[in-house]
Amino acid sequence: MVVNILEIGNIVKAEVTGVENYGIFVKVNDEYNGLIHISEISEGFVKNVEDFAKIGDEIYCKILDIDNEEHNMKLTIKNLNYKNNKKKFNETIRGFSVLKDNLDDWIEEKKKEIEKNQQN
């Protein structure tokens, strides 16, 4: 659950403001910034931090620690974003053409199925 309350353990939405080889810098709100250390990006090996976030991205982070004096946070994105999971999804960009091409056939099949069920 994403919340606006800044407490350890809560998940917040943040904007990526910088990407370095050791972690991701984010802006949580107008007062607080945070660092997601490379060790808090993924359970697996992180070869390139930019594979996980780019400047301007909005990402969900879990608060690990808060420094109220410096207005900084330690954050994690482990297991919060699908990109970070060990089991990655096979992503295929095909748009809606497959749906569009098959929609009429699916509608006809469903109509026939409904008519058949109504006759029985």
Protein backbone atom coordinates (compact mmCIF):
# COMPACT_ATOMS: atom_id res chain seq x y z
CA MET A 1 0.00 0.00 0.00
CA VAL A 2 1.42 3.37 -1.02
CA VAL A 3 1.07 6.07 1.63
CA ASN A 4 2.07 9.70 2.08
CA ILE A 5 3.15 9.19 5.70
CA LEU A 6 6.92 9.05 6.06
CA GLU A 7 7.54 6.18 8.46
CA ILE A 8 9.99 3.31 8.33
CA GLY A 9 8.39 0.40 6.50
CA ASN A 10 5.97 2.49 4.46
CA ILE A 11 6.01 2.48 0.68
CA VAL A 12 6.21 5.86 -1.03
CA LYS A 13 6.25 7.07 -4.61
CA ALA A 14 9.41 8.98 -5.55
CA GLU A 15 10.93 10.67 -8.59
CA VAL A 16 14.40 9.61 -9.74
CA THR A 17 16.74 12.63 -9.67
CA GLY A 18 20.07 10.91 -10.24
CA VAL A 19 21.61 7.57 -11.15
CA GLU A 20 25.14 6.64 -10.13
CA ASN A 21 27.03 3.36 -10.30
CA TYR A 22 26.41 2.89 -6.55
CA GLY A 23 22.69 3.72 -6.41
CA ILE A 24 19.65 5.76 -7.32
CA PHE A 25 18.85 9.21 -5.91
CA VAL A 26 15.19 10.13 -5.53
CA LYS A 27 13.01 13.02 -4.41
CA VAL A 28 10.29 11.72 -2.11
CA ASN A 29 8.57 15.07 -1.57
CA ASP A 30 9.47 18.76 -1.31
CA GLU A 31 11.36 18.15 1.95
CA TYR A 32 12.91 14.69 1.69
CA ASN A 33 15.40 13.09 -0.69
CA GLY A 34 16.57 9.53 -0.60
CA LEU A 35 19.18 7.06 -1.77
CA ILE A 36 18.51 3.55 -2.94
CA HIS A 37 21.90 1.89 -2.55
CA ILE A 38 22.85 -0.64 -5.22
CA SER A 39 22.46 -3.42 -2.62
CA GLU A 40 18.81 -2.37 -2.18
CA ILE A 41 17.88 -2.49 -5.87
CA SER A 42 17.60 -6.22 -6.47
CA GLU A 43 18.13 -9.59 -4.81
CA GLY A 44 20.34 -10.51 -7.76
CA PHE A 45 23.52 -8.98 -9.13
CA VAL A 46 23.09 -5.44 -10.46
CA LYS A 47 25.50 -4.88 -13.32
CA ASN A 48 24.08 -1.54 -14.42
CA VAL A 49 21.94 0.64 -12.16
CA GLU A 50 20.45 2.37 -15.22
CA ASP A 51 18.74 -0.92 -16.12
CA PHE A 52 16.45 -0.29 -13.13
CA ALA A 53 15.78 3.46 -13.23
CA LYS A 54 16.37 6.57 -15.29
CA ILE A 55 16.19 10.25 -14.30
CA GLY A 56 12.57 11.36 -14.29
CA ASP A 57 11.13 7.89 -13.60
CA GLU A 58 8.58 7.59 -10.82
CA ILE A 59 9.21 4.50 -8.71
CA TYR A 60 7.83 2.96 -5.55
CA CYS A 61 10.26 2.67 -2.65
CA LYS A 62 10.09 1.22 0.84
CA ILE A 63 11.51 3.40 3.63
CA LEU A 64 14.36 1.72 5.53
CA ASP A 65 15.60 4.68 7.58
CA ILE A 66 14.81 8.38 7.98
CA ASP A 67 17.19 11.18 8.98
CA ASN A 68 14.82 13.96 10.02
CA GLU A 69 17.66 16.41 10.67
CA GLU A 70 19.17 16.11 7.19
CA HIS A 71 15.83 15.28 5.51
CA ASN A 72 17.31 12.19 3.88
CA MET A 73 16.12 8.61 3.63
CA LYS A 74 17.54 5.18 2.99
CA LEU A 75 15.19 3.32 0.67
CA THR A 76 14.80 -0.04 -1.04
CA ILE A 77 13.06 -1.19 -4.19
CA LYS A 78 13.77 -4.89 -3.71
CA ASN A 79 10.70 -6.90 -4.70
CA LEU A 80 8.56 -3.77 -5.15
CA ASN A 81 8.91 -3.41 -8.92
CA TYR A 82 8.61 -6.31 -11.37
CA LYS A 83 11.92 -5.31 -13.01
CA ASN A 84 13.72 -6.11 -9.78
CA ASN A 85 12.45 -9.64 -9.29
CA LYS A 86 14.70 -12.59 -10.04
CA LYS A 87 11.96 -14.10 -12.19
CA LYS A 88 11.59 -11.51 -14.91
CA PHE A 89 8.60 -11.42 -17.19
CA ASN A 90 9.15 -11.96 -20.89
CA GLU A 91 8.26 -8.59 -22.30
CA THR A 92 7.01 -8.38 -25.85
CA ILE A 93 5.85 -5.16 -27.40
CA ARG A 94 3.16 -5.93 -29.94
CA GLY A 95 0.63 -3.22 -29.34
CA PHE A 96 -3.04 -3.96 -29.85
CA SER A 97 -2.75 -5.47 -33.33
CA VAL A 98 -3.04 -9.06 -32.07
CA LEU A 99 -6.20 -8.18 -30.16
CA LYS A 100 -7.63 -6.26 -33.09
CA ASP A 101 -6.88 -9.08 -35.53
CA ASN A 102 -8.58 -11.73 -33.39
CA LEU A 103 -11.42 -9.83 -31.73
CA ASP A 104 -14.07 -10.54 -34.39
CA ASP A 105 -13.28 -14.27 -34.33
CA TRP A 106 -13.47 -14.36 -30.53
CA ILE A 107 -16.82 -12.57 -30.55
CA GLU A 108 -18.23 -15.03 -33.08
CA GLU A 109 -16.95 -18.00 -31.09
CA LYS A 110 -18.54 -16.65 -27.92
CA LYS A 111 -21.86 -15.97 -29.70
CA LYS A 112 -21.94 -19.56 -30.97
CA GLU A 113 -21.12 -20.86 -27.50
CA ILE A 114 -23.92 -18.80 -25.94
CA GLU A 115 -26.44 -19.90 -28.60
CA LYS A 116 -25.45 -23.54 -28.10
CA ASN A 117 -25.88 -23.24 -24.31
CA GLN A 118 -29.30 -21.60 -24.73
CA GLN A 119 -30.50 -24.49 -26.95
CA ASN A 120 -29.52 -27.09 -24.34
